[in-house]
């Protein structure tokens, strides 16, 4: 059981995370293509999508040689400076803080070319500023391209996994930028429950009052911890191990309940952990299998969680390979669709369609078009 916040302390701080969804009607979502495809005719390979506090989408992408970040100004895409990372860097993650700070992580090659370095840079309003030296050197060469990134008020936080030696199990690490260096949150020896087990994908969630929720896969189990500013607290594991977990997402409601989404190569699962003193077990949040388009898609390759102004969890999902995306709201007893399922031209294998939810209740989807440009489309529920 755990208790990390009271309702009265959550209200003001959490307001920026709330998404307005009052009186959504079913039927087609209103679709608006946001400008021309970004990328300037380049073949976009990797992308990620986030939303600034004012609701404007921010997209990062790579053509395999350069990394760029662009923000929608209401009528056109505006590139944030020149390339956000050194030439030939490999894009990893994008995140935007509540103060509008834009941060990316990326991989560069070590001096001897044998492995990779994990780096971060922040947009200062005029240029991209590297955040110190490399966050990590993947000394064993076992980098996984699945880092997790959030931006807190006191600095960005990155989670990643790596092995100490080749063919050894991956260990989970978390560090935060303190303004001058990357500091470990807790121990720097790895956060695995069992160091002999392989750490898998992870996710971070920024909570009010400077707290951080962390979830990760380890040997098929989904472990969850809460950072209170000085130490990690173990929360109950998610039920029913999933052997092929490929995606995790976390958020929190205004009451302090945690919501966890877990996906593999089958239909995703969702759970809620209550914040009160009796909240000692994750409760299933049923109904995902009945959402239009999700069962046909089979799996999700990106997802976003948010909370609306009524405190109800929201879920957006996509599957680029099948050309599908969707939007749903938790009613308290089941997930119900917000609008009809979204359909678009399927993407080549390994090209994802990124999703994000805006504060006013719209769903943004970034996907490759038929010419391999990155097209961002906004879907707004009808009210």
Protein backbone atom coordinates (compact mmCIF):
# COMPACT_ATOMS: atom_id res chain seq x y z
CA UNK A 1 0.00 0.00 0.00
CA UNK A 2 1.13 3.59 -0.49
CA UNK A 3 0.05 7.17 -0.18
CA UNK A 4 1.96 9.82 -2.07
CA UNK A 5 -0.37 12.82 -2.32
CA UNK A 6 -3.56 14.29 -0.95
CA UNK A 7 -6.29 15.60 -3.24
CA UNK A 8 -5.86 19.17 -1.95
CA UNK A 9 -2.17 19.32 -2.86
CA UNK A 10 -2.72 17.92 -6.33
CA UNK A 11 -5.21 20.40 -7.74
CA UNK A 12 -3.12 23.45 -8.67
CA UNK A 13 0.02 21.62 -9.73
CA UNK A 14 -1.75 18.98 -11.75
CA UNK A 15 -3.95 21.42 -13.71
CA UNK A 16 -1.47 21.67 -16.59
CA UNK A 17 -1.72 17.92 -17.11
CA UNK A 18 -5.49 17.83 -17.32
CA UNK A 19 -7.15 17.34 -20.68
CA UNK A 20 -10.59 18.80 -21.38
CA UNK A 21 -13.02 16.17 -22.69
CA UNK A 22 -16.45 17.29 -21.57
CA UNK A 23 -19.44 16.00 -23.53
CA UNK A 24 -17.54 14.11 -26.23
CA UNK A 25 -19.82 12.73 -28.91
CA UNK A 26 -19.24 9.51 -30.81
CA UNK A 27 -18.67 9.52 -34.54
CA UNK A 28 -15.80 10.66 -36.74
CA UNK A 29 -13.11 12.76 -35.11
CA UNK A 30 -12.59 16.14 -36.75
CA UNK A 31 -9.38 15.78 -38.74
CA UNK A 32 -6.93 18.59 -39.51
CA UNK A 33 -3.60 18.16 -41.26
CA UNK A 34 -1.07 20.47 -39.60
CA UNK A 35 0.82 22.14 -42.43
CA UNK A 36 3.15 20.47 -44.88
CA UNK A 37 5.10 17.34 -43.97
CA UNK A 38 8.21 18.17 -41.95
CA UNK A 39 11.59 16.98 -43.05
CA UNK A 40 12.08 19.10 -46.15
CA UNK A 41 11.83 16.15 -48.53
CA UNK A 42 14.19 13.99 -46.48
CA UNK A 43 13.38 10.37 -45.77
CA UNK A 44 12.43 10.48 -42.08
CA UNK A 45 13.53 7.38 -40.20
CA UNK A 46 12.80 7.96 -36.51
CA UNK A 47 10.33 10.34 -34.88
CA UNK A 48 8.79 11.29 -31.56
CA UNK A 49 5.93 13.63 -30.69
CA UNK A 50 5.23 15.74 -27.60
CA UNK A 51 2.94 18.62 -26.66
CA UNK A 52 3.99 21.95 -25.14
CA UNK A 53 2.04 23.40 -22.19
CA UNK A 54 0.16 25.74 -24.55
CA UNK A 55 -1.08 22.73 -26.53
CA UNK A 56 1.17 23.14 -29.57
CA UNK A 57 2.73 19.92 -30.86
CA UNK A 58 6.49 19.48 -31.00
CA UNK A 59 8.00 16.83 -33.26
CA UNK A 60 11.54 15.46 -33.44
CA UNK A 61 12.83 13.35 -36.29
CA UNK A 62 15.98 11.96 -37.87
CA UNK A 63 16.93 11.11 -41.42
CA UNK A 64 19.72 8.85 -40.18
CA UNK A 65 22.27 11.66 -40.46
CA UNK A 66 20.81 14.68 -38.65
CA UNK A 67 18.24 15.27 -35.93
CA UNK A 68 15.76 18.15 -36.13
CA UNK A 69 12.99 19.45 -33.86
CA UNK A 70 10.05 21.54 -35.07
CA UNK A 71 7.15 23.20 -33.25
CA UNK A 72 3.74 24.13 -34.64
CA UNK A 73 3.01 27.86 -34.29
CA UNK A 74 -0.65 27.64 -35.25
CA UNK A 75 -0.12 28.00 -38.98
CA UNK A 76 3.23 26.43 -39.87
CA UNK A 77 6.06 24.30 -38.54
CA UNK A 78 9.00 26.28 -37.14
CA UNK A 79 12.33 24.51 -36.86
CA UNK A 80 14.09 25.02 -33.53
CA UNK A 81 17.53 26.08 -34.69
CA UNK A 82 19.75 23.93 -36.85
CA UNK A 83 20.45 20.26 -36.25
CA UNK A 84 19.83 19.44 -32.58
CA UNK A 85 22.70 16.96 -32.34
CA UNK A 86 26.04 16.20 -34.02
CA UNK A 87 26.02 14.72 -37.50
CA UNK A 88 25.32 10.99 -37.65
CA UNK A 89 23.76 10.98 -34.17
CA UNK A 90 20.95 8.47 -33.66
CA UNK A 91 17.73 10.01 -32.31
CA UNK A 92 16.31 8.51 -29.12
CA UNK A 93 13.62 10.53 -27.27
CA UNK A 94 11.83 13.90 -27.08
CA UNK A 95 10.16 15.46 -24.04
CA UNK A 96 8.71 18.87 -23.14
CA UNK A 97 8.46 20.16 -19.57
CA UNK A 98 5.65 22.12 -17.93
CA UNK A 99 7.74 25.26 -18.39
CA UNK A 100 8.07 24.58 -22.12
CA UNK A 101 11.65 23.28 -21.94
CA UNK A 102 12.35 21.02 -24.95
CA UNK A 103 14.88 18.20 -24.42
CA UNK A 104 16.05 15.35 -26.63
CA UNK A 105 18.26 12.34 -26.04
CA UNK A 106 20.40 10.77 -28.75
CA UNK A 107 23.22 8.30 -29.32
CA UNK A 108 26.63 9.10 -30.74
CA UNK A 109 29.51 6.79 -31.54
CA UNK A 110 32.42 6.42 -29.11
CA UNK A 111 35.85 7.68 -30.19
CA UNK A 112 37.02 4.22 -31.19
CA UNK A 113 33.75 3.49 -33.00
CA UNK A 114 33.10 0.36 -30.95
CA UNK A 115 29.99 1.42 -29.03
CA UNK A 116 27.65 4.34 -28.30
CA UNK A 117 27.26 7.28 -25.95
CA UNK A 118 23.90 8.44 -24.57
CA UNK A 119 23.62 12.23 -24.72
CA UNK A 120 21.03 14.96 -24.10
CA UNK A 121 20.52 18.51 -25.39
CA UNK A 122 18.07 21.28 -24.47
CA UNK A 123 16.68 24.12 -26.58
CA UNK A 124 17.52 27.43 -24.86
CA UNK A 125 15.37 29.59 -27.11
CA UNK A 126 18.10 30.31 -29.64
CA UNK A 127 20.26 27.20 -29.88
CA UNK A 128 20.66 23.61 -28.73
CA UNK A 129 22.81 23.28 -25.62
CA UNK A 130 24.36 19.89 -24.74
CA UNK A 131 23.58 18.90 -21.16
CA UNK A 132 27.06 18.14 -19.92
CA UNK A 133 29.11 15.21 -21.05
CA UNK A 134 27.55 11.94 -22.14
CA UNK A 135 24.97 10.58 -19.71
CA UNK A 136 26.32 7.10 -20.25
CA UNK A 137 28.87 5.09 -22.22
CA UNK A 138 27.46 1.74 -23.30
CA UNK A 139 30.77 0.06 -22.53
CA UNK A 140 29.53 -3.45 -23.31
CA UNK A 141 28.07 -2.36 -26.63
CA UNK A 142 24.57 -3.48 -25.63
CA UNK A 143 22.51 -0.32 -26.22
CA UNK A 144 18.80 -0.83 -26.81
CA UNK A 145 17.33 2.39 -28.31
CA UNK A 146 14.50 2.40 -25.75
CA UNK A 147 15.50 5.06 -23.24
CA UNK A 148 12.77 6.93 -21.32
CA UNK A 149 12.83 10.73 -20.85
CA UNK A 150 10.82 13.25 -18.85
CA UNK A 151 11.45 16.92 -17.98
CA UNK A 152 10.95 17.89 -14.34
CA UNK A 153 11.04 21.41 -12.90
CA UNK A 154 14.49 20.69 -11.44
CA UNK A 155 15.92 18.99 -14.52
CA UNK A 156 15.41 16.25 -17.14
CA UNK A 157 15.39 12.61 -16.03
CA UNK A 158 16.53 9.69 -18.17
CA UNK A 159 16.11 5.94 -17.64
CA UNK A 160 17.96 3.33 -19.67
CA UNK A 161 19.18 -0.25 -19.50
CA UNK A 162 22.50 -1.82 -20.31
CA UNK A 163 24.70 -4.78 -19.46
CA UNK A 164 28.00 -4.39 -17.61
CA UNK A 165 29.58 -6.93 -19.93
CA UNK A 166 28.64 -8.62 -23.16
CA UNK A 167 26.05 -11.41 -22.69
CA UNK A 168 25.29 -10.25 -19.13
CA UNK A 169 21.76 -9.21 -18.04
CA UNK A 170 20.70 -5.61 -18.62
CA UNK A 171 20.52 -3.41 -15.53
CA UNK A 172 18.19 -0.41 -15.13
CA UNK A 173 19.61 3.07 -14.41
CA UNK A 174 18.03 6.47 -13.77
CA UNK A 175 19.83 9.84 -13.70
CA UNK A 176 18.73 13.47 -13.45
CA UNK A 177 20.44 16.61 -14.75
CA UNK A 178 21.08 18.98 -11.82
CA UNK A 179 22.27 21.92 -13.90
CA UNK A 180 25.89 20.85 -14.07
CA UNK A 181 26.04 17.04 -14.11
CA UNK A 182 23.94 13.88 -14.40
CA UNK A 183 23.24 12.51 -10.94
CA UNK A 184 21.93 9.02 -10.17
CA UNK A 185 18.52 8.81 -8.53
CA UNK A 186 19.20 6.40 -5.73
CA UNK A 187 21.99 3.98 -6.44
CA UNK A 188 24.15 4.10 -9.54
CA UNK A 189 24.69 0.35 -9.30
CA UNK A 190 21.45 -0.50 -11.10
CA UNK A 191 17.84 -0.62 -9.94
CA UNK A 192 16.97 -4.20 -10.86
CA UNK A 193 14.99 -6.15 -8.29
CA UNK A 194 17.12 -9.14 -9.27
CA UNK A 195 20.50 -8.23 -10.80
CA UNK A 196 20.58 -11.67 -12.42
CA UNK A 197 17.40 -10.91 -14.37
CA UNK A 198 17.23 -8.88 -17.59
CA UNK A 199 15.77 -5.37 -17.31
CA UNK A 200 13.49 -4.60 -20.25
CA UNK A 201 11.63 -1.51 -21.42
CA UNK A 202 10.89 1.23 -18.90
CA UNK A 203 8.79 4.36 -18.54
CA UNK A 204 8.95 7.48 -16.38
CA UNK A 205 6.06 9.72 -15.32
CA UNK A 206 6.38 13.21 -13.85
CA UNK A 207 4.06 13.60 -10.86
CA UNK A 208 3.14 16.74 -8.91
CA UNK A 209 5.29 17.80 -5.96
CA UNK A 210 8.44 16.74 -7.80
CA UNK A 211 7.75 13.03 -7.54
CA UNK A 212 8.55 10.51 -10.24
CA UNK A 213 6.94 7.18 -11.04
CA UNK A 214 9.05 4.50 -12.71
CA UNK A 215 7.87 1.22 -14.23
CA UNK A 216 9.98 -1.38 -15.99
CA UNK A 217 9.88 -4.93 -17.23
CA UNK A 218 12.21 -7.43 -15.61
CA UNK A 219 12.03 -11.09 -16.49
CA UNK A 220 8.37 -10.74 -17.50
CA UNK A 221 7.33 -8.93 -14.31
CA UNK A 222 6.35 -5.26 -14.35
CA UNK A 223 7.90 -3.51 -11.34
CA UNK A 224 6.91 -0.01 -10.19
CA UNK A 225 8.69 2.45 -7.91
CA UNK A 226 8.04 5.98 -6.68
CA UNK A 227 10.80 8.59 -6.20
CA UNK A 228 10.04 11.10 -3.43
CA UNK A 229 13.04 13.34 -3.98
CA UNK A 230 15.45 11.34 -1.86
CA UNK A 231 14.66 7.63 -2.18
CA UNK A 232 12.73 5.02 -4.18
CA UNK A 233 9.69 3.30 -2.68
CA UNK A 234 8.64 -0.07 -4.05
CA UNK A 235 5.00 -0.25 -5.15
CA UNK A 236 3.11 -3.48 -5.89
CA UNK A 237 4.08 -5.28 -9.08
CA UNK A 238 1.54 -5.31 -11.88
CA UNK A 239 -0.38 -8.60 -11.96
CA UNK A 240 -0.15 -11.39 -14.52
CA UNK A 241 3.40 -11.39 -15.94
CA UNK A 242 3.74 -10.49 -19.62
CA UNK A 243 6.63 -12.27 -21.32
CA UNK A 244 6.91 -9.96 -24.33
CA UNK A 245 6.41 -6.47 -22.88
CA UNK A 246 7.45 -3.93 -25.51
CA UNK A 247 5.81 -0.72 -24.22
CA UNK A 248 4.95 0.78 -20.82
CA UNK A 249 3.19 4.05 -19.98
CA UNK A 250 2.28 5.65 -16.62
CA UNK A 251 0.19 8.60 -15.48
CA UNK A 252 -1.62 9.73 -12.32
CA UNK A 253 -5.13 11.00 -11.67
CA UNK A 254 -5.97 14.09 -9.62
CA UNK A 255 -6.75 11.80 -6.68
CA UNK A 256 -3.26 10.33 -6.92
CA UNK A 257 -4.21 6.96 -8.42
CA UNK A 258 -1.57 5.58 -10.77
CA UNK A 259 -2.62 4.26 -14.19
CA UNK A 260 -0.35 1.79 -15.98
CA UNK A 261 -0.54 0.68 -19.61
CA UNK A 262 1.41 -2.41 -20.66
CA UNK A 263 1.65 -3.76 -24.20
CA UNK A 264 3.41 -6.59 -25.97
CA UNK A 265 2.73 -8.46 -29.18
CA UNK A 266 -0.90 -8.87 -28.24
CA UNK A 267 -3.66 -6.59 -26.97
CA UNK A 268 -2.46 -4.10 -24.31
CA UNK A 269 -3.50 -4.24 -20.67
CA UNK A 270 -4.30 -1.38 -18.29
CA UNK A 271 -4.34 -1.25 -14.49
CA UNK A 272 -5.04 1.28 -11.75
CA UNK A 273 -3.35 1.50 -8.34
CA UNK A 274 -5.31 3.52 -5.78
CA UNK A 275 -3.39 6.14 -3.79
CA UNK A 276 -5.28 5.69 -0.51
CA UNK A 277 -4.11 3.49 2.33
CA UNK A 278 -6.03 0.50 0.97
CA UNK A 279 -4.39 0.77 -2.44
CA UNK A 280 -2.15 -2.26 -2.21
CA UNK A 281 -3.01 -3.97 -5.52
CA UNK A 282 -3.39 -3.02 -9.15
CA UNK A 283 -6.95 -3.34 -10.37
CA UNK A 284 -7.61 -4.28 -14.03
CA UNK A 285 -9.11 -1.56 -16.25
CA UNK A 286 -11.14 -3.67 -18.65
CA UNK A 287 -12.54 -2.95 -22.08
CA UNK A 288 -9.45 -2.38 -24.23
CA UNK A 289 -10.33 -5.45 -26.31
CA UNK A 290 -13.65 -3.82 -27.29
CA UNK A 291 -12.17 -0.58 -28.61
CA UNK A 292 -12.74 -0.09 -32.36
CA UNK A 293 -9.65 -0.86 -34.38
CA UNK A 294 -7.49 -2.01 -31.48
CA UNK A 295 -8.32 -5.71 -31.71
CA UNK A 296 -7.70 -5.64 -35.47
CA UNK A 297 -4.37 -3.83 -35.02
CA UNK A 298 -3.25 -6.59 -32.67
CA UNK A 299 -0.63 -4.54 -30.85
CA UNK A 300 0.43 -0.93 -30.29
CA UNK A 301 3.79 0.62 -31.12
CA UNK A 302 3.11 3.94 -29.39
CA UNK A 303 0.66 5.12 -26.74
CA UNK A 304 -0.04 8.13 -24.53
CA UNK A 305 -1.87 8.46 -21.21
CA UNK A 306 -3.39 11.66 -19.82
CA UNK A 307 -6.16 12.73 -17.43
CA UNK A 308 -9.16 14.88 -18.32
CA UNK A 309 -10.64 17.76 -16.31
CA UNK A 310 -12.99 15.32 -14.57
CA UNK A 311 -10.10 13.14 -13.42
CA UNK A 312 -10.84 10.37 -15.93
CA UNK A 313 -7.84 8.63 -17.55
CA UNK A 314 -7.46 8.99 -21.32
CA UNK A 315 -5.60 6.69 -23.69
CA UNK A 316 -4.30 7.23 -27.22
CA UNK A 317 -2.69 4.42 -29.21
CA UNK A 318 -1.28 3.75 -32.65
CA UNK A 319 -0.03 0.94 -34.85
CA UNK A 320 1.91 2.29 -37.80
CA UNK A 321 2.26 -1.09 -39.45
CA UNK A 322 -1.49 -1.59 -39.74
CA UNK A 323 -2.29 2.11 -40.27
CA UNK A 324 -4.51 2.47 -37.22
CA UNK A 325 -4.86 4.72 -34.18
CA UNK A 326 -7.50 5.40 -31.56
CA UNK A 327 -8.61 7.39 -28.55
CA UNK A 328 -10.47 6.20 -25.42
CA UNK A 329 -11.68 7.42 -22.03
CA UNK A 330 -12.05 5.46 -18.79
CA UNK A 331 -15.61 5.69 -17.48
CA UNK A 332 -14.88 4.23 -14.06
CA UNK A 333 -15.82 0.72 -15.14
CA UNK A 334 -14.63 0.33 -18.75
CA UNK A 335 -12.78 2.03 -21.60
CA UNK A 336 -15.08 3.68 -24.09
CA UNK A 337 -14.00 5.03 -27.50
CA UNK A 338 -13.72 8.77 -28.08
CA UNK A 339 -14.80 9.05 -31.69
CA UNK A 340 -14.29 6.40 -34.33
CA UNK A 341 -11.04 4.54 -34.91
CA UNK A 342 -8.51 6.33 -37.12
CA UNK A 343 -7.24 4.73 -40.31
CA UNK A 344 -4.29 5.78 -42.48
CA UNK A 345 -1.91 4.24 -45.01
CA UNK A 346 0.09 1.49 -43.24
CA UNK A 347 3.76 2.24 -42.65
CA UNK A 348 6.73 0.02 -43.51
CA UNK A 349 7.88 -2.33 -40.76
CA UNK A 350 9.70 -0.56 -37.86
CA UNK A 351 8.30 2.91 -38.69
CA UNK A 352 6.03 3.96 -35.85
CA UNK A 353 3.22 6.50 -35.76
CA UNK A 354 3.82 8.67 -32.69
CA UNK A 355 0.87 9.94 -30.62
CA UNK A 356 0.31 12.70 -28.04
CA UNK A 357 -2.70 14.20 -26.27
CA UNK A 358 -3.13 17.98 -26.02
CA UNK A 359 -4.46 19.87 -22.96
CA UNK A 360 -7.67 20.76 -24.83
CA UNK A 361 -8.50 17.15 -25.65
CA UNK A 362 -7.15 16.68 -29.17
CA UNK A 363 -5.14 13.70 -30.37
CA UNK A 364 -2.02 14.39 -32.44
CA UNK A 365 -0.57 11.66 -34.66
CA UNK A 366 2.80 11.91 -36.44
CA UNK A 367 3.31 9.36 -39.21
CA UNK A 368 5.13 8.88 -42.46
CA UNK A 369 3.18 9.72 -45.59
CA UNK A 370 3.53 7.89 -48.89
CA UNK A 371 6.60 9.99 -49.78
CA UNK A 372 8.29 9.25 -46.42
CA UNK A 373 7.71 12.77 -45.14
CA UNK A 374 6.54 13.15 -41.55
CA UNK A 375 2.92 14.29 -41.52
CA UNK A 376 1.26 15.47 -38.29
CA UNK A 377 -2.53 15.27 -38.10
CA UNK A 378 -4.73 16.52 -35.27
CA UNK A 379 -7.98 14.73 -34.38
CA UNK A 380 -10.49 16.63 -32.27
CA UNK A 381 -13.55 15.00 -30.64
CA UNK A 382 -16.92 16.42 -31.60
CA UNK A 383 -18.84 17.88 -28.67
